[in-house]
N, C-alpha and C. Protein backbone atom coordinates (compact mmCIF):
# COMPACT_ATOMS: atom_id res chain seq x y z
N UNK A 1 0.80 -1.20 0.03
CA UNK A 1 0.07 0.00 0.02
C UNK A 1 0.91 1.22 0.01
N UNK A 2 0.50 2.26 -0.89
CA UNK A 2 1.29 3.42 -0.99
C UNK A 2 1.28 4.21 0.47
N UNK A 3 2.21 5.06 0.70
CA UNK A 3 2.31 5.81 1.94
C UNK A 3 1.06 6.69 2.00
N UNK A 4 0.75 7.30 0.92
CA UNK A 4 -0.36 8.30 0.83
C UNK A 4 -1.63 7.60 1.25
N UNK A 5 -1.82 6.35 0.73
CA UNK A 5 -3.02 5.59 1.03
C UNK A 5 -3.06 5.15 2.48
N UNK A 6 -1.98 5.00 3.12
CA UNK A 6 -1.94 4.65 4.61
C UNK A 6 -2.40 5.76 5.35
N UNK A 7 -1.87 6.95 5.07
CA UNK A 7 -2.22 8.12 5.83
C UNK A 7 -3.72 8.47 5.66
N UNK A 8 -4.31 8.19 4.45
CA UNK A 8 -5.70 8.53 4.22
C UNK A 8 -6.56 7.67 5.25
N UNK A 9 -6.06 6.66 5.69
CA UNK A 9 -6.90 5.79 6.65
C UNK A 9 -6.71 6.38 8.04
N UNK A 10 -5.71 7.10 8.38
CA UNK A 10 -5.44 7.41 9.72
C UNK A 10 -5.47 8.88 10.17
N UNK A 11 -5.27 9.77 9.26
CA UNK A 11 -5.26 11.28 9.51
C UNK A 11 -6.28 12.02 8.85
N UNK A 12 -6.60 13.21 9.28
CA UNK A 12 -7.75 14.00 8.33
C UNK A 12 -7.05 14.26 7.03
N UNK A 13 -7.91 14.11 6.02
CA UNK A 13 -7.54 14.12 4.49
C UNK A 13 -6.78 15.34 4.23
N UNK A 14 -6.99 16.54 4.86
CA UNK A 14 -6.20 17.74 4.52
C UNK A 14 -4.82 17.70 4.93
N UNK A 15 -4.46 16.79 5.86
CA UNK A 15 -3.11 16.61 6.42
C UNK A 15 -2.27 15.49 5.73
N UNK A 16 -2.93 14.75 4.80
CA UNK A 16 -2.19 13.69 4.20
C UNK A 16 -0.91 14.05 3.46
N UNK A 17 -1.03 15.03 2.64
CA UNK A 17 0.07 15.43 1.72
C UNK A 17 1.23 15.88 2.65
N UNK A 18 0.94 16.70 3.67
CA UNK A 18 1.97 17.12 4.65
C UNK A 18 2.72 16.02 5.21
N UNK A 19 1.90 14.98 5.80
CA UNK A 19 2.54 13.81 6.47
C UNK A 19 3.45 13.04 5.54
N UNK A 20 3.00 12.85 4.28
CA UNK A 20 3.82 12.19 3.30
C UNK A 20 5.15 12.98 2.98
N UNK A 21 4.98 14.26 2.99
CA UNK A 21 6.19 15.13 2.62
C UNK A 21 7.20 15.02 3.73
N UNK A 22 6.78 14.93 4.89
CA UNK A 22 7.67 14.74 6.12
C UNK A 22 8.47 13.50 6.01
N UNK A 23 7.91 12.36 5.58
CA UNK A 23 8.68 11.19 5.29
C UNK A 23 9.68 11.32 4.15
N UNK A 24 9.19 12.01 3.08
CA UNK A 24 10.03 12.13 1.93
C UNK A 24 11.23 12.98 2.28
N UNK A 25 11.05 14.02 3.10
CA UNK A 25 12.06 14.95 3.35
C UNK A 25 13.11 14.37 4.33
N UNK A 26 12.65 13.76 5.43
CA UNK A 26 13.46 13.23 6.47
C UNK A 26 13.92 11.80 6.26
N UNK A 27 13.29 11.09 5.33
CA UNK A 27 13.70 9.80 4.99
C UNK A 27 13.64 8.69 6.14
N UNK A 28 12.55 8.75 6.92
CA UNK A 28 12.42 7.72 8.11
C UNK A 28 11.43 6.62 7.66
N UNK A 29 11.63 5.50 8.38
CA UNK A 29 10.71 4.45 8.22
C UNK A 29 9.43 4.60 9.05
N UNK A 30 8.38 4.41 8.53
CA UNK A 30 7.08 4.72 9.22
C UNK A 30 6.30 3.40 9.33
N UNK A 31 5.98 3.02 10.46
CA UNK A 31 5.10 1.76 10.74
C UNK A 31 3.88 1.98 11.62
N UNK A 32 2.90 1.27 11.30
CA UNK A 32 1.64 1.28 12.12
C UNK A 32 1.66 0.14 13.06
N UNK A 33 1.48 0.33 14.29
CA UNK A 33 1.49 -0.81 15.37
C UNK A 33 0.09 -1.05 15.97
N UNK A 34 -0.11 -2.13 16.41
CA UNK A 34 -1.29 -2.55 17.18
C UNK A 34 -1.25 -1.78 18.53
N UNK A 35 -2.23 -1.61 19.27
CA UNK A 35 -2.44 -0.84 20.43
C UNK A 35 -1.34 -1.31 21.44
N UNK A 36 -0.55 -0.24 21.93
CA UNK A 36 0.47 -0.56 23.00
C UNK A 36 -0.01 0.20 24.16
N UNK A 37 -0.28 -0.53 25.35
CA UNK A 37 -0.91 0.14 26.46
C UNK A 37 0.09 1.21 27.06
N UNK A 38 1.37 1.12 26.79
CA UNK A 38 2.24 2.05 27.56
C UNK A 38 2.59 3.22 26.76
N UNK A 39 2.28 3.31 25.41
CA UNK A 39 2.56 4.49 24.61
C UNK A 39 1.75 4.60 23.38
N UNK A 40 1.55 5.81 22.85
CA UNK A 40 0.71 6.08 21.60
C UNK A 40 1.59 5.89 20.28
N UNK A 41 2.94 6.26 20.52
CA UNK A 41 3.89 6.20 19.35
C UNK A 41 5.25 6.28 19.89
N UNK A 42 6.27 6.05 18.91
CA UNK A 42 7.58 6.27 19.44
C UNK A 42 8.49 6.49 18.24
N UNK A 43 9.70 7.00 18.53
CA UNK A 43 10.78 7.39 17.61
C UNK A 43 11.99 6.64 18.06
N UNK A 44 12.67 5.96 17.04
CA UNK A 44 13.97 5.29 17.40
C UNK A 44 15.00 5.49 16.32
N UNK A 45 16.27 5.62 16.71
CA UNK A 45 17.31 5.60 15.76
C UNK A 45 18.24 4.47 15.93
N UNK A 46 18.50 3.77 14.93
CA UNK A 46 19.44 2.60 14.91
C UNK A 46 20.90 3.08 14.53
N UNK A 47 21.88 2.96 15.44
CA UNK A 47 23.14 3.23 15.10
C UNK A 47 23.77 2.22 14.07
N UNK A 48 23.14 0.99 14.16
CA UNK A 48 23.75 -0.07 13.28
C UNK A 48 23.24 0.21 11.92
N UNK A 49 22.00 0.51 11.66
CA UNK A 49 21.42 0.61 10.29
C UNK A 49 21.40 2.15 9.85
N UNK A 50 21.68 3.05 10.80
CA UNK A 50 21.57 4.39 10.57
C UNK A 50 20.27 4.81 10.03
N UNK A 51 19.25 4.21 10.54
CA UNK A 51 17.82 4.45 10.09
C UNK A 51 17.00 5.02 11.22
N UNK A 52 16.17 6.01 10.93
CA UNK A 52 15.19 6.49 11.81
C UNK A 52 13.85 5.79 11.73
N UNK A 53 13.20 5.40 12.75
CA UNK A 53 11.86 4.79 12.59
C UNK A 53 10.93 5.41 13.53
N UNK A 54 9.79 5.66 13.04
CA UNK A 54 8.55 6.22 13.75
C UNK A 54 7.48 5.30 13.73
N UNK A 55 6.89 4.87 14.88
CA UNK A 55 5.72 3.99 14.88
C UNK A 55 4.57 4.60 15.70
N UNK A 56 3.33 4.48 15.19
CA UNK A 56 2.13 5.02 15.83
C UNK A 56 1.10 3.93 15.92
N UNK A 57 0.43 3.91 17.09
CA UNK A 57 -0.61 2.98 17.33
C UNK A 57 -1.86 3.14 16.42
N UNK A 58 -2.42 1.91 15.94
CA UNK A 58 -3.47 1.89 14.95
C UNK A 58 -4.83 2.26 15.41
N UNK A 59 -4.98 2.40 16.74
CA UNK A 59 -6.34 2.58 17.26
C UNK A 59 -6.58 4.00 17.73
N UNK A 60 -5.73 5.03 17.22
CA UNK A 60 -6.04 6.36 17.55
C UNK A 60 -7.00 7.11 16.62
N UNK A 61 -7.82 7.96 17.16
CA UNK A 61 -8.64 8.68 16.14
C UNK A 61 -7.85 9.60 15.27
N UNK A 62 -8.33 10.09 14.18
CA UNK A 62 -7.52 10.85 13.14
C UNK A 62 -6.72 11.99 13.88
N UNK A 63 -7.35 12.75 14.75
CA UNK A 63 -6.63 13.95 15.26
C UNK A 63 -5.60 13.51 16.26
N UNK A 64 -5.80 12.50 17.09
CA UNK A 64 -4.83 12.07 18.06
C UNK A 64 -3.76 11.36 17.27
N UNK A 65 -3.98 10.68 16.18
CA UNK A 65 -2.99 10.11 15.29
C UNK A 65 -2.03 11.10 14.77
N UNK A 66 -2.64 12.12 14.29
CA UNK A 66 -1.88 13.20 13.64
C UNK A 66 -0.89 13.90 14.69
N UNK A 67 -1.49 14.29 15.76
CA UNK A 67 -0.77 14.95 16.90
C UNK A 67 0.41 14.01 17.41
N UNK A 68 0.21 12.81 17.44
CA UNK A 68 1.11 11.81 17.91
C UNK A 68 2.27 11.66 16.93
N UNK A 69 1.81 11.67 15.66
CA UNK A 69 2.80 11.51 14.50
C UNK A 69 3.79 12.68 14.53
N UNK A 70 3.20 13.96 14.69
CA UNK A 70 4.04 15.15 14.66
C UNK A 70 4.93 15.26 15.86
N UNK A 71 4.42 14.77 16.98
CA UNK A 71 5.24 14.59 18.28
C UNK A 71 6.46 13.74 17.94
N UNK A 72 6.35 12.68 17.34
CA UNK A 72 7.51 11.87 17.03
C UNK A 72 8.36 12.33 15.89
N UNK A 73 7.89 13.06 14.96
CA UNK A 73 8.74 13.70 13.97
C UNK A 73 9.61 14.74 14.55
N UNK A 74 9.08 15.53 15.61
CA UNK A 74 9.79 16.46 16.27
C UNK A 74 10.90 15.83 17.00
N UNK A 75 10.82 14.57 17.57
CA UNK A 75 11.88 13.90 18.23
C UNK A 75 12.91 13.71 17.19
N UNK A 76 12.54 13.22 16.00
CA UNK A 76 13.55 12.98 14.92
C UNK A 76 14.41 14.14 14.57
N UNK A 77 13.59 15.28 14.36
CA UNK A 77 14.30 16.55 13.94
C UNK A 77 15.23 16.96 15.12
N UNK A 78 14.84 16.84 16.40
CA UNK A 78 15.78 17.19 17.49
C UNK A 78 16.95 16.38 17.52
N UNK A 79 16.77 15.02 17.38
CA UNK A 79 17.95 14.13 17.39
C UNK A 79 18.91 14.44 16.14
N UNK A 80 18.37 14.85 15.02
CA UNK A 80 19.15 15.24 13.91
C UNK A 80 20.05 16.41 14.25
N UNK A 81 19.44 17.35 14.85
CA UNK A 81 20.07 18.63 15.31
C UNK A 81 21.07 18.57 16.47
N UNK A 82 20.63 17.78 17.38
CA UNK A 82 21.46 17.72 18.74
C UNK A 82 22.00 16.42 19.15
N UNK A 83 21.57 15.35 18.48
CA UNK A 83 22.01 14.01 18.85
C UNK A 83 21.28 13.76 20.32
N UNK A 84 22.13 13.10 21.23
CA UNK A 84 21.56 12.84 22.45
C UNK A 84 21.78 13.91 23.60
N UNK A 85 22.25 15.03 23.03
CA UNK A 85 22.67 16.11 23.99
C UNK A 85 21.35 16.86 24.54
N UNK A 86 20.30 16.79 23.69
CA UNK A 86 19.02 17.47 24.03
C UNK A 86 18.17 16.64 24.97
N UNK A 87 17.58 17.15 25.83
CA UNK A 87 16.57 16.36 26.79
C UNK A 87 15.41 15.89 25.95
N UNK A 88 14.91 14.70 26.17
CA UNK A 88 13.92 14.04 25.31
C UNK A 88 12.73 14.99 25.06
N UNK A 89 12.20 15.75 25.98
CA UNK A 89 11.10 16.72 25.91
C UNK A 89 11.55 18.03 26.45
N UNK A 90 12.75 18.49 26.04
CA UNK A 90 13.25 19.77 26.53
C UNK A 90 12.94 20.86 25.60
N UNK A 91 13.58 22.02 25.69
CA UNK A 91 13.34 23.19 24.97
C UNK A 91 13.47 22.95 23.49
N UNK A 92 14.47 22.18 22.98
CA UNK A 92 14.73 21.92 21.59
C UNK A 92 13.53 21.20 21.00
N UNK A 93 13.11 20.13 21.64
CA UNK A 93 12.05 19.29 21.24
C UNK A 93 10.79 20.13 21.15
N UNK A 94 10.46 20.97 22.13
CA UNK A 94 9.21 21.80 22.19
C UNK A 94 9.18 22.71 21.03
N UNK A 95 10.34 23.40 20.73
CA UNK A 95 10.52 24.35 19.68
C UNK A 95 10.23 23.68 18.34
N UNK A 96 10.81 22.36 18.13
CA UNK A 96 10.66 21.65 16.87
C UNK A 96 9.27 21.18 16.66
N UNK A 97 8.65 20.76 17.86
CA UNK A 97 7.23 20.25 17.83
C UNK A 97 6.34 21.37 17.21
N UNK A 98 6.57 22.58 17.80
CA UNK A 98 5.80 23.71 17.36
C UNK A 98 5.96 23.98 15.81
N UNK A 99 7.19 23.90 15.34
CA UNK A 99 7.61 24.24 14.07
C UNK A 99 6.95 23.19 13.08
N UNK A 100 7.07 21.81 13.57
CA UNK A 100 6.58 20.79 12.63
C UNK A 100 5.10 20.83 12.52
N UNK A 101 4.45 21.19 13.69
CA UNK A 101 2.98 21.25 13.68
C UNK A 101 2.31 22.39 12.97
N UNK A 102 3.03 23.47 12.88
CA UNK A 102 2.55 24.83 12.49
C UNK A 102 1.76 24.75 11.16
N UNK A 103 2.23 24.04 10.08
CA UNK A 103 1.58 23.99 8.79
C UNK A 103 0.19 23.30 8.82
N UNK A 104 -0.10 22.54 9.88
CA UNK A 104 -1.51 21.93 9.95
C UNK A 104 -2.35 22.41 11.02
N UNK A 105 -1.87 23.31 11.77
CA UNK A 105 -2.65 23.98 12.93
C UNK A 105 -3.66 25.09 12.24
N UNK A 106 -4.66 24.54 11.64
CA UNK A 106 -5.73 25.35 11.24
C UNK A 106 -7.10 24.59 11.14
N UNK A 107 -8.09 25.40 10.80
CA UNK A 107 -9.41 24.77 10.95
C UNK A 107 -9.83 23.85 9.68
N UNK A 108 -8.88 23.85 8.72
CA UNK A 108 -9.13 22.95 7.65
C UNK A 108 -8.80 21.57 8.06
N UNK A 109 -7.88 21.37 9.09
CA UNK A 109 -7.39 20.10 9.62
C UNK A 109 -8.09 19.76 10.77
N UNK A 110 -8.22 20.63 11.82
CA UNK A 110 -8.75 20.30 13.14
C UNK A 110 -10.03 21.04 13.44
N UNK A 111 -10.97 20.42 14.05
CA UNK A 111 -12.25 21.03 14.30
C UNK A 111 -11.83 22.20 15.44
N UNK A 112 -12.65 23.33 15.45
CA UNK A 112 -12.45 24.39 16.32
C UNK A 112 -12.11 24.14 17.74
N UNK A 113 -12.82 23.13 18.46
CA UNK A 113 -12.40 22.88 19.81
C UNK A 113 -11.09 22.28 20.01
N UNK A 114 -10.70 21.27 19.02
CA UNK A 114 -9.34 20.69 19.01
C UNK A 114 -8.25 21.72 18.72
N UNK A 115 -8.50 22.58 17.74
CA UNK A 115 -7.52 23.50 17.41
C UNK A 115 -7.26 24.53 18.51
N UNK A 116 -8.28 24.96 19.24
CA UNK A 116 -8.18 25.79 20.50
C UNK A 116 -7.40 25.09 21.49
N UNK A 117 -7.66 23.92 21.81
CA UNK A 117 -6.96 23.09 22.76
C UNK A 117 -5.37 23.00 22.33
N UNK A 118 -5.16 22.69 21.14
CA UNK A 118 -3.80 22.53 20.63
C UNK A 118 -3.11 23.86 20.71
N UNK A 119 -3.70 24.98 20.37
CA UNK A 119 -3.04 26.28 20.43
C UNK A 119 -2.65 26.52 21.83
N UNK A 120 -3.40 26.28 22.85
CA UNK A 120 -3.03 26.37 24.27
C UNK A 120 -1.92 25.37 24.73
N UNK A 121 -2.07 24.27 24.20
CA UNK A 121 -1.07 23.19 24.54
C UNK A 121 0.35 23.63 23.92
N UNK A 122 0.39 24.20 22.74
CA UNK A 122 1.71 24.47 22.22
C UNK A 122 2.41 25.68 22.71
N UNK A 123 1.70 26.32 23.68
CA UNK A 123 2.36 27.40 24.40
C UNK A 123 3.52 26.80 25.33
N UNK A 124 3.35 25.59 25.74
CA UNK A 124 4.34 24.94 26.51
C UNK A 124 4.07 23.31 26.38
N UNK A 125 4.39 22.76 25.27
CA UNK A 125 3.95 21.40 25.00
C UNK A 125 4.59 20.44 26.10
N UNK A 126 3.77 19.59 26.61
CA UNK A 126 4.12 18.55 27.52
C UNK A 126 4.64 17.33 26.81
N UNK A 127 5.27 16.27 27.64
CA UNK A 127 5.81 15.08 27.01
C UNK A 127 4.80 14.16 26.33
N UNK A 128 3.58 14.32 26.72
CA UNK A 128 2.48 13.59 26.04
C UNK A 128 1.17 14.38 26.04
N UNK A 129 0.44 14.17 24.98
CA UNK A 129 -0.81 14.87 24.90
C UNK A 129 -1.76 14.53 26.09
N UNK A 130 -1.59 13.37 26.62
CA UNK A 130 -2.55 12.81 27.72
C UNK A 130 -2.06 13.66 29.02
N UNK A 131 -0.96 14.21 28.93
CA UNK A 131 -0.61 15.01 30.17
C UNK A 131 -1.27 16.45 30.22
N UNK A 132 -1.85 16.82 29.24
CA UNK A 132 -2.67 18.04 29.21
C UNK A 132 -4.17 17.50 29.21
N UNK A 133 -4.79 17.66 30.39
CA UNK A 133 -6.17 17.12 30.52
C UNK A 133 -7.20 17.71 29.63
N UNK A 134 -7.07 19.03 29.33
CA UNK A 134 -8.01 19.70 28.38
C UNK A 134 -7.83 19.05 27.06
N UNK A 135 -6.73 19.08 26.53
CA UNK A 135 -6.41 18.45 25.16
C UNK A 135 -6.76 16.97 25.11
N UNK A 136 -6.40 16.22 26.12
CA UNK A 136 -6.69 14.81 26.16
C UNK A 136 -8.09 14.51 26.11
N UNK A 137 -8.90 15.25 26.82
CA UNK A 137 -10.42 14.98 26.94
C UNK A 137 -11.02 15.40 25.55
N UNK A 138 -10.53 16.43 24.99
CA UNK A 138 -11.13 16.87 23.78
C UNK A 138 -10.90 15.84 22.66
N UNK A 139 -9.62 15.46 22.53
CA UNK A 139 -9.23 14.43 21.58
C UNK A 139 -10.04 13.09 21.76
N UNK A 140 -10.22 12.74 23.06
CA UNK A 140 -10.96 11.45 23.29
C UNK A 140 -12.47 11.54 22.80
N UNK A 141 -12.99 12.80 22.66
CA UNK A 141 -14.34 12.87 22.23
C UNK A 141 -14.52 12.29 20.78
N UNK A 142 -13.42 12.17 20.12
CA UNK A 142 -13.51 11.69 18.71
C UNK A 142 -13.18 10.18 18.55
N UNK A 143 -13.01 9.59 19.78
CA UNK A 143 -12.78 8.11 19.74
C UNK A 143 -14.04 7.34 19.48
N UNK A 144 -13.84 6.08 18.95
CA UNK A 144 -15.05 5.14 18.80
C UNK A 144 -15.57 4.84 20.20
N UNK A 145 -16.85 4.70 20.31
CA UNK A 145 -17.39 4.34 21.69
C UNK A 145 -16.90 3.09 22.23
N UNK A 146 -16.50 3.05 23.53
CA UNK A 146 -16.00 1.87 24.20
C UNK A 146 -16.20 2.03 25.70
N UNK A 147 -16.28 0.90 26.30
CA UNK A 147 -16.42 0.90 27.72
C UNK A 147 -15.06 1.05 28.57
N UNK A 148 -13.95 1.18 27.68
CA UNK A 148 -12.66 1.38 28.38
C UNK A 148 -12.36 2.91 28.71
N UNK A 149 -11.64 3.13 29.74
CA UNK A 149 -11.23 4.50 30.12
C UNK A 149 -9.68 4.46 30.39
N UNK A 150 -9.02 5.65 30.28
CA UNK A 150 -7.69 5.55 30.70
C UNK A 150 -7.55 5.40 32.10
N UNK A 151 -6.42 4.74 32.54
CA UNK A 151 -6.19 4.53 34.01
C UNK A 151 -6.24 5.83 34.73
N UNK A 152 -5.83 6.90 34.09
CA UNK A 152 -5.78 8.18 34.84
C UNK A 152 -7.22 8.57 35.41
N UNK A 153 -8.16 8.10 34.75
CA UNK A 153 -9.58 8.26 35.29
C UNK A 153 -10.04 7.47 36.37
N UNK A 154 -9.25 6.42 36.67
CA UNK A 154 -9.61 5.52 37.86
C UNK A 154 -8.95 6.07 39.16
N UNK A 155 -9.89 6.25 40.14
CA UNK A 155 -9.39 6.76 41.41
C UNK A 155 -8.55 5.84 42.24
N UNK A 156 -7.74 6.29 43.04
CA UNK A 156 -7.05 5.54 43.95
C UNK A 156 -7.99 4.71 44.88
N UNK A 157 -7.71 3.41 45.05
CA UNK A 157 -8.63 2.51 45.78
C UNK A 157 -9.61 1.77 44.84
N UNK A 158 -9.78 2.15 43.67
CA UNK A 158 -10.75 1.54 42.75
C UNK A 158 -10.18 0.31 42.06
N UNK A 159 -11.07 -0.56 41.65
CA UNK A 159 -10.64 -1.79 41.07
C UNK A 159 -10.85 -1.61 39.59
N UNK A 160 -10.01 -2.26 38.66
CA UNK A 160 -10.22 -2.25 37.13
C UNK A 160 -9.75 -3.50 36.57
N UNK A 161 -10.13 -3.65 35.30
CA UNK A 161 -9.60 -4.81 34.50
C UNK A 161 -8.60 -4.33 33.51
N UNK A 162 -7.44 -5.04 33.39
CA UNK A 162 -6.45 -4.79 32.47
C UNK A 162 -5.71 -5.99 31.80
N UNK A 163 -5.90 -6.23 30.65
CA UNK A 163 -5.23 -7.40 29.92
C UNK A 163 -5.73 -8.70 30.63
N UNK A 164 -6.97 -8.76 30.93
CA UNK A 164 -7.61 -10.02 31.50
C UNK A 164 -7.45 -10.21 33.04
N UNK A 165 -6.79 -9.35 33.77
CA UNK A 165 -6.62 -9.49 35.17
C UNK A 165 -7.31 -8.31 35.87
N UNK A 166 -7.54 -8.54 37.11
CA UNK A 166 -8.16 -7.49 37.98
C UNK A 166 -6.97 -6.76 38.81
N UNK A 167 -7.14 -5.47 38.96
CA UNK A 167 -6.16 -4.67 39.68
C UNK A 167 -6.77 -3.62 40.57
N UNK A 168 -6.01 -3.36 41.63
CA UNK A 168 -6.43 -2.27 42.44
C UNK A 168 -5.45 -1.15 42.32
N UNK A 169 -5.92 -0.03 42.03
CA UNK A 169 -5.04 1.23 41.94
C UNK A 169 -4.60 1.72 43.32
N UNK A 170 -3.35 1.81 43.58
CA UNK A 170 -2.83 2.09 44.93
C UNK A 170 -2.23 3.51 45.03
N UNK A 171 -1.39 3.83 44.01
CA UNK A 171 -0.59 5.18 44.13
C UNK A 171 -0.27 5.56 42.72
N UNK A 172 -0.30 7.01 42.51
CA UNK A 172 0.06 7.50 41.24
C UNK A 172 1.45 8.03 41.39
N UNK A 173 2.31 7.69 40.35
CA UNK A 173 3.76 8.26 40.23
C UNK A 173 3.91 8.82 38.87
N UNK A 174 3.69 10.12 38.79
CA UNK A 174 3.89 10.89 37.53
C UNK A 174 3.03 10.20 36.45
N UNK A 175 3.64 9.60 35.36
CA UNK A 175 2.87 9.07 34.32
C UNK A 175 2.47 7.74 34.48
N UNK A 176 2.74 7.13 35.66
CA UNK A 176 2.20 5.64 35.83
C UNK A 176 1.61 5.55 37.29
N UNK A 177 1.06 4.41 37.52
CA UNK A 177 0.44 4.16 38.80
C UNK A 177 0.87 2.80 39.22
N UNK A 178 1.04 2.83 40.60
CA UNK A 178 1.34 1.51 41.29
C UNK A 178 -0.03 0.80 41.48
N UNK A 179 -0.13 -0.38 40.89
CA UNK A 179 -1.38 -1.23 40.95
C UNK A 179 -1.11 -2.59 41.41
N UNK A 180 -1.96 -3.11 42.18
CA UNK A 180 -1.76 -4.38 42.74
C UNK A 180 -2.80 -5.38 42.13
N UNK A 181 -2.06 -6.56 41.48
CA UNK A 181 -3.00 -7.54 40.88
C UNK A 181 -3.89 -8.25 41.96
N UNK A 182 -5.13 -8.31 41.89
CA UNK A 182 -5.88 -8.84 42.95
C UNK A 182 -5.61 -10.28 43.32
N UNK A 183 -5.38 -11.20 42.38
CA UNK A 183 -5.12 -12.61 42.71
C UNK A 183 -3.74 -12.85 43.33
N UNK A 184 -2.79 -12.33 42.69
CA UNK A 184 -1.40 -12.61 43.15
C UNK A 184 -0.86 -11.66 44.05
N UNK A 185 -1.46 -10.61 44.32
CA UNK A 185 -1.08 -9.58 45.26
C UNK A 185 0.20 -8.81 44.82
N UNK A 186 0.74 -9.07 43.62
CA UNK A 186 1.90 -8.50 43.10
C UNK A 186 1.60 -7.04 42.59
N UNK A 187 2.64 -6.26 42.74
CA UNK A 187 2.47 -4.80 42.35
C UNK A 187 3.17 -4.51 41.04
N UNK A 188 2.53 -3.77 40.15
CA UNK A 188 3.08 -3.40 38.87
C UNK A 188 2.80 -1.88 38.68
N UNK A 189 3.79 -1.29 37.85
CA UNK A 189 3.63 0.16 37.45
C UNK A 189 2.89 0.06 36.09
N UNK A 190 1.70 0.70 36.03
CA UNK A 190 0.98 0.73 34.71
C UNK A 190 0.83 2.05 34.29
N UNK A 191 1.07 2.36 32.95
CA UNK A 191 0.95 3.72 32.49
C UNK A 191 -0.41 4.31 32.67
N UNK A 192 -0.50 5.58 32.91
CA UNK A 192 -1.73 6.31 33.07
C UNK A 192 -2.60 6.29 31.84
N UNK A 193 -1.94 6.17 30.69
CA UNK A 193 -2.59 6.18 29.49
C UNK A 193 -3.31 4.93 29.01
N UNK A 194 -2.92 3.82 29.81
CA UNK A 194 -3.41 2.58 29.54
C UNK A 194 -4.92 2.52 29.59
N UNK A 195 -5.63 1.81 28.56
CA UNK A 195 -7.01 1.74 28.54
C UNK A 195 -7.47 0.55 29.48
N UNK A 196 -8.38 0.80 30.41
CA UNK A 196 -8.78 -0.16 31.33
C UNK A 196 -10.33 -0.18 31.46
N UNK A 197 -10.87 -1.28 31.96
CA UNK A 197 -12.31 -1.29 32.32
C UNK A 197 -12.54 -1.35 33.77
N UNK A 198 -13.24 -0.33 34.21
CA UNK A 198 -13.63 -0.15 35.65
C UNK A 198 -14.45 -1.39 36.01
N UNK A 199 -14.28 -1.75 37.33
CA UNK A 199 -15.04 -2.75 37.96
C UNK A 199 -16.03 -2.17 38.88
N UNK A 200 -17.33 -2.18 38.62
CA UNK A 200 -18.29 -1.51 39.29
C UNK A 200 -19.02 -2.32 40.43
N UNK A 201 -18.83 -3.57 40.40
CA UNK A 201 -19.53 -4.43 41.30
C UNK A 201 -18.63 -4.87 42.40
């Protein structure tokens, strides 16, 4: 399948050409991945092959997919410019994220509520869109209906289902939470963006 056709499935149609141009210009490998509970996308550079690779989860709505894609392209640009000297989500990355996103920050690509949230978000971009509650909640409005919610919406002391097991949320630690599996009593760190099913009974 052509790269253009792939993007037509995942991003707003008005952003397809720009997404393809980024690949053509920077020459990175682009892959679609199944849902990963710990991340929405990632960027990697292989010193062995000298190749840049960007991957994005296949279950994101078009606006969340596009924002995540641009987020990862900004990592590539920052690595090209500074190598490993720049912090992963430091000033250099923030500036590049703003620059990479600017051509599509308009109402032809994003609905007004999303555009407003993005405009505010880009005043000081965070490490993940889910770290900005306003932007995260607005983007989620465009998801397909589901009974799953992000772990961040589960309160401390509440039970939830995750990957077939039941857990109790114990404590939040930045972008992850300490959760105890009910049966084994073992504790795990689970990402706040992980999609879980609340246990209400």
